Amino acid sequence: MEPVVYHVVKINGDYAVMKTDDGVENTVAMALLPIEITEGDTVLWENLAYSILK
């Protein structure tokens, strides 16, 4: 699978709503994301794991 870059749009309780630059929306459980994630962060999904891009 290709790496995907997401922008965290909203954190709603135990879930984060994220969008790609193409407008594809994805809701992900916070347990799968880095603990320091906040709204506005950019994350990379690669090799079945998420990491924050700085």
PDB file of N, CA and C in Angstrom:
ATOM      1  N   MET A   1       0.833  -1.185   0.000  1.00  0.00           N
ATOM      2  CA  MET A   1       0.000   0.000   0.000  1.00  0.00           C
ATOM      3  C   MET A   1       0.875   1.245   0.000  1.00  0.00           C
ATOM      4  N   GLU A   2       0.366   2.261  -0.620  1.00  0.00           N
ATOM      5  CA  GLU A   2       1.065   3.536  -0.687  1.00  0.00           C
ATOM      6  C   GLU A   2       0.902   4.310   0.618  1.00  0.00           C
ATOM      7  N   PRO A   3       1.905   5.073   1.028  1.00  0.00           N
ATOM      8  CA  PRO A   3       1.758   5.948   2.200  1.00  0.00           C
ATOM      9  C   PRO A   3       0.690   7.007   1.920  1.00  0.00           C
ATOM     10  N   VAL A   4      -0.029   7.405   2.975  1.00  0.00           N
ATOM     11  CA  VAL A   4      -1.080   8.411   2.849  1.00  0.00           C
ATOM     12  C   VAL A   4      -0.837   9.504   3.890  1.00  0.00           C
ATOM     13  N   VAL A   5      -0.937  10.767   3.461  1.00  0.00           N
ATOM     14  CA  VAL A   5      -0.792  11.899   4.369  1.00  0.00           C
ATOM     15  C   VAL A   5      -2.187  12.410   4.710  1.00  0.00           C
ATOM     16  N   TYR A   6      -2.462  12.539   6.012  1.00  0.00           N
ATOM     17  CA  TYR A   6      -3.750  13.027   6.497  1.00  0.00           C
ATOM     18  C   TYR A   6      -3.546  14.297   7.310  1.00  0.00           C
ATOM     19  N   HIS A   7      -4.575  15.136   7.336  1.00  0.00           N
ATOM     20  CA  HIS A   7      -4.617  16.313   8.199  1.00  0.00           C
ATOM     21  C   HIS A   7      -5.721  16.070   9.226  1.00  0.00           C
ATOM     22  N   VAL A   8      -5.402  16.227  10.500  1.00  0.00           N
ATOM     23  CA  VAL A   8      -6.388  16.005  11.560  1.00  0.00           C
ATOM     24  C   VAL A   8      -7.320  17.218  11.596  1.00  0.00           C
ATOM     25  N   VAL A   9      -8.573  16.978  11.244  1.00  0.00           N
ATOM     26  CA  VAL A   9      -9.570  18.038  11.171  1.00  0.00           C
ATOM     27  C   VAL A   9     -10.245  18.256  12.523  1.00  0.00           C
ATOM     28  N   LYS A  10     -10.558  17.149  13.207  1.00  0.00           N
ATOM     29  CA  LYS A  10     -11.324  17.243  14.441  1.00  0.00           C
ATOM     30  C   LYS A  10     -11.043  16.027  15.311  1.00  0.00           C
ATOM     31  N   ILE A  11     -10.953  16.267  16.610  1.00  0.00           N
ATOM     32  CA  ILE A  11     -10.861  15.167  17.560  1.00  0.00           C
ATOM     33  C   ILE A  11     -12.164  15.154  18.331  1.00  0.00           C
ATOM     34  N   ASN A  12     -12.851  14.013  18.266  1.00  0.00           N
ATOM     35  CA  ASN A  12     -14.165  13.871  18.869  1.00  0.00           C
ATOM     36  C   ASN A  12     -14.138  12.671  19.814  1.00  0.00           C
ATOM     37  N   GLY A  13     -13.782  12.922  21.072  1.00  0.00           N
ATOM     38  CA  GLY A  13     -13.731  11.846  22.052  1.00  0.00           C
ATOM     39  C   GLY A  13     -12.640  10.847  21.737  1.00  0.00           C
ATOM     40  N   ASP A  14     -13.018   9.625  21.453  1.00  0.00           N
ATOM     41  CA  ASP A  14     -12.062   8.554  21.183  1.00  0.00           C
ATOM     42  C   ASP A  14     -11.700   8.428  19.711  1.00  0.00           C
ATOM     43  N   TYR A  15     -12.135   9.368  18.883  1.00  0.00           N
ATOM     44  CA  TYR A  15     -11.899   9.279  17.447  1.00  0.00           C
ATOM     45  C   TYR A  15     -11.357  10.592  16.891  1.00  0.00           C
ATOM     46  N   ALA A  16     -10.556  10.476  15.843  1.00  0.00           N
ATOM     47  CA  ALA A  16     -10.042  11.644  15.123  1.00  0.00           C
ATOM     48  C   ALA A  16     -10.587  11.584  13.697  1.00  0.00           C
ATOM     49  N   VAL A  17     -11.095  12.707  13.232  1.00  0.00           N
ATOM     50  CA  VAL A  17     -11.561  12.823  11.858  1.00  0.00           C
ATOM     51  C   VAL A  17     -10.416  13.443  11.067  1.00  0.00           C
ATOM     52  N   MET A  18      -9.994  12.743  10.011  1.00  0.00           N
ATOM     53  CA  MET A  18      -8.856  13.194   9.225  1.00  0.00           C
ATOM     54  C   MET A  18      -9.228  13.242   7.752  1.00  0.00           C
ATOM     55  N   LYS A  19      -8.538  14.126   6.997  1.00  0.00           N
ATOM     56  CA  LYS A  19      -8.772  14.257   5.563  1.00  0.00           C
ATOM     57  C   LYS A  19      -7.449  14.263   4.822  1.00  0.00           C
ATOM     58  N   THR A  20      -7.484  13.720   3.610  1.00  0.00           N
ATOM     59  CA  THR A  20      -6.324  13.791   2.724  1.00  0.00           C
ATOM     60  C   THR A  20      -6.412  15.084   1.928  1.00  0.00           C
ATOM     61  N   ASP A  21      -5.365  15.397   1.187  1.00  0.00           N
ATOM     62  CA  ASP A  21      -5.396  16.575   0.314  1.00  0.00           C
ATOM     63  C   ASP A  21      -6.434  16.418  -0.791  1.00  0.00           C
ATOM     64  N   ASP A  22      -6.783  15.166  -1.120  1.00  0.00           N
ATOM     65  CA  ASP A  22      -7.787  14.892  -2.154  1.00  0.00           C
ATOM     66  C   ASP A  22      -9.217  14.982  -1.618  1.00  0.00           C
ATOM     67  N   GLY A  23      -9.364  15.206  -0.302  1.00  0.00           N
ATOM     68  CA  GLY A  23     -10.684  15.336   0.290  1.00  0.00           C
ATOM     69  C   GLY A  23     -11.274  14.049   0.831  1.00  0.00           C
ATOM     70  N   VAL A  24     -10.504  12.973   0.832  1.00  0.00           N
ATOM     71  CA  VAL A  24     -10.986  11.702   1.367  1.00  0.00           C
ATOM     72  C   VAL A  24     -10.958  11.783   2.890  1.00  0.00           C
ATOM     73  N   GLU A  25     -12.111  11.538   3.515  1.00  0.00           N
ATOM     74  CA  GLU A  25     -12.230  11.622   4.973  1.00  0.00           C
ATOM     75  C   GLU A  25     -12.118  10.236   5.600  1.00  0.00           C
ATOM     76  N   ASN A  26     -11.477  10.179   6.761  1.00  0.00           N
ATOM     77  CA  ASN A  26     -11.275   8.920   7.459  1.00  0.00           C
ATOM     78  C   ASN A  26     -11.421   9.185   8.955  1.00  0.00           C
ATOM     79  N   THR A  27     -12.115   8.311   9.653  1.00  0.00           N
ATOM     80  CA  THR A  27     -12.237   8.400  11.107  1.00  0.00           C
ATOM     81  C   THR A  27     -11.416   7.276  11.715  1.00  0.00           C
ATOM     82  N   VAL A  28     -10.518   7.646  12.643  1.00  0.00           N
ATOM     83  CA  VAL A  28      -9.572   6.695  13.210  1.00  0.00           C
ATOM     84  C   VAL A  28      -9.655   6.747  14.727  1.00  0.00           C
ATOM     85  N   ALA A  29      -9.591   5.589  15.368  1.00  0.00           N
ATOM     86  CA  ALA A  29      -9.580   5.528  16.832  1.00  0.00           C
ATOM     87  C   ALA A  29      -8.303   6.177  17.354  1.00  0.00           C
ATOM     88  N   MET A  30      -8.438   6.976  18.397  1.00  0.00           N
ATOM     89  CA  MET A  30      -7.299   7.674  18.991  1.00  0.00           C
ATOM     90  C   MET A  30      -6.235   6.686  19.483  1.00  0.00           C
ATOM     91  N   ALA A  31      -6.641   5.487  19.860  1.00  0.00           N
ATOM     92  CA  ALA A  31      -5.696   4.477  20.343  1.00  0.00           C
ATOM     93  C   ALA A  31      -4.680   4.082  19.274  1.00  0.00           C
ATOM     94  N   LEU A  32      -4.999   4.298  17.999  1.00  0.00           N
ATOM     95  CA  LEU A  32      -4.096   3.943  16.910  1.00  0.00           C
ATOM     96  C   LEU A  32      -3.138   5.072  16.537  1.00  0.00           C
ATOM     97  N   LEU A  33      -3.390   6.262  17.077  1.00  0.00           N
ATOM     98  CA  LEU A  33      -2.598   7.440  16.736  1.00  0.00           C
ATOM     99  C   LEU A  33      -1.571   7.748  17.821  1.00  0.00           C
ATOM    100  N   PRO A  34      -0.517   8.497  17.479  1.00  0.00           N
ATOM    101  CA  PRO A  34       0.438   8.900  18.511  1.00  0.00           C
ATOM    102  C   PRO A  34      -0.262   9.669  19.629  1.00  0.00           C
ATOM    103  N   ILE A  35       0.175   9.483  20.849  1.00  0.00           N
ATOM    104  CA  ILE A  35      -0.495  10.057  22.012  1.00  0.00           C
ATOM    105  C   ILE A  35      -0.524  11.585  21.983  1.00  0.00           C
ATOM    106  N   GLU A  36       0.465  12.217  21.366  1.00  0.00           N
ATOM    107  CA  GLU A  36       0.554  13.679  21.365  1.00  0.00           C
ATOM    108  C   GLU A  36      -0.214  14.343  20.224  1.00  0.00           C
ATOM    109  N   ILE A  37      -1.046  13.594  19.511  1.00  0.00           N
ATOM    110  CA  ILE A  37      -1.801  14.124  18.373  1.00  0.00           C
ATOM    111  C   ILE A  37      -2.770  15.224  18.808  1.00  0.00           C
ATOM    112  N   THR A  38      -2.876  16.281  18.003  1.00  0.00           N
ATOM    113  CA  THR A  38      -3.815  17.369  18.259  1.00  0.00           C
ATOM    114  C   THR A  38      -4.456  17.778  16.938  1.00  0.00           C
ATOM    115  N   GLU A  39      -5.554  18.521  17.036  1.00  0.00           N
ATOM    116  CA  GLU A  39      -6.202  19.026  15.826  1.00  0.00           C
ATOM    117  C   GLU A  39      -5.225  19.917  15.073  1.00  0.00           C
ATOM    118  N   GLY A  40      -5.213  19.782  13.759  1.00  0.00           N
ATOM    119  CA  GLY A  40      -4.322  20.568  12.928  1.00  0.00           C
ATOM    120  C   GLY A  40      -3.024  19.858  12.579  1.00  0.00           C
ATOM    121  N   ASP A  41      -2.716  18.758  13.249  1.00  0.00           N
ATOM    122  CA  ASP A  41      -1.498  18.004  12.945  1.00  0.00           C
ATOM    123  C   ASP A  41      -1.624  17.312  11.593  1.00  0.00           C
ATOM    124  N   THR A  42      -0.486  17.033  10.997  1.00  0.00           N
ATOM    125  CA  THR A  42      -0.415  16.257   9.769  1.00  0.00           C
ATOM    126  C   THR A  42       0.222  14.926  10.123  1.00  0.00           C
ATOM    127  N   VAL A  43      -0.417  13.850   9.699  1.00  0.00           N
ATOM    128  CA  VAL A  43       0.093  12.520  10.026  1.00  0.00           C
ATOM    129  C   VAL A  43       0.316  11.704   8.761  1.00  0.00           C
ATOM    130  N   LEU A  44       1.245  10.786   8.866  1.00  0.00           N
ATOM    131  CA  LEU A  44       1.560   9.881   7.771  1.00  0.00           C
ATOM    132  C   LEU A  44       1.126   8.482   8.163  1.00  0.00           C
ATOM    133  N   TRP A  45       0.353   7.835   7.292  1.00  0.00           N
ATOM    134  CA  TRP A  45      -0.028   6.433   7.491  1.00  0.00           C
ATOM    135  C   TRP A  45       0.836   5.611   6.562  1.00  0.00           C
ATOM    136  N   GLU A  46       1.696   4.787   7.141  1.00  0.00           N
ATOM    137  CA  GLU A  46       2.618   3.980   6.352  1.00  0.00           C
ATOM    138  C   GLU A  46       2.923   2.704   7.118  1.00  0.00           C
ATOM    139  N   ASN A  47       2.914   1.590   6.425  1.00  0.00           N
ATOM    140  CA  ASN A  47       3.180   0.278   7.038  1.00  0.00           C
ATOM    141  C   ASN A  47       2.242   0.008   8.223  1.00  0.00           C
ATOM    142  N   LEU A  48       0.980   0.355   8.050  1.00  0.00           N
ATOM    143  CA  LEU A  48      -0.075   0.123   9.035  1.00  0.00           C
ATOM    144  C   LEU A  48       0.144   0.859  10.347  1.00  0.00           C
ATOM    145  N   ALA A  49       0.879   1.971  10.329  1.00  0.00           N
ATOM    146  CA  ALA A  49       1.120   2.768  11.530  1.00  0.00           C
ATOM    147  C   ALA A  49       1.046   4.258  11.179  1.00  0.00           C
ATOM    148  N   TYR A  50       0.649   5.065  12.163  1.00  0.00           N
ATOM    149  CA  TYR A  50       0.555   6.513  11.988  1.00  0.00           C
ATOM    150  C   TYR A  50       1.718   7.191  12.689  1.00  0.00           C
ATOM    151  N   SER A  51       2.264   8.223  12.066  1.00  0.00           N
ATOM    152  CA  SER A  51       3.306   9.045  12.685  1.00  0.00           C
ATOM    153  C   SER A  51       3.044  10.492  12.344  1.00  0.00           C
ATOM    154  N   ILE A  52       3.418  11.389  13.258  1.00  0.00           N
ATOM    155  CA  ILE A  52       3.210  12.828  13.055  1.00  0.00           C
ATOM    156  C   ILE A  52       4.320  13.373  12.167  1.00  0.00           C
ATOM    157  N   LEU A  53       3.925  14.172  11.173  1.00  0.00           N
ATOM    158  CA  LEU A  53       4.891  14.860  10.320  1.00  0.00           C
ATOM    159  C   LEU A  53       5.101  16.267  10.874  1.00  0.00           C
ATOM    160  N   LYS A  54       6.319  16.696  10.946  1.00  0.00           N
ATOM    161  CA  LYS A  54       6.598  18.047  11.456  1.00  0.00           C
ATOM    162  C   LYS A  54       7.120  18.916  10.377  1.00  0.00           C
TER     163      LYS A  54
END
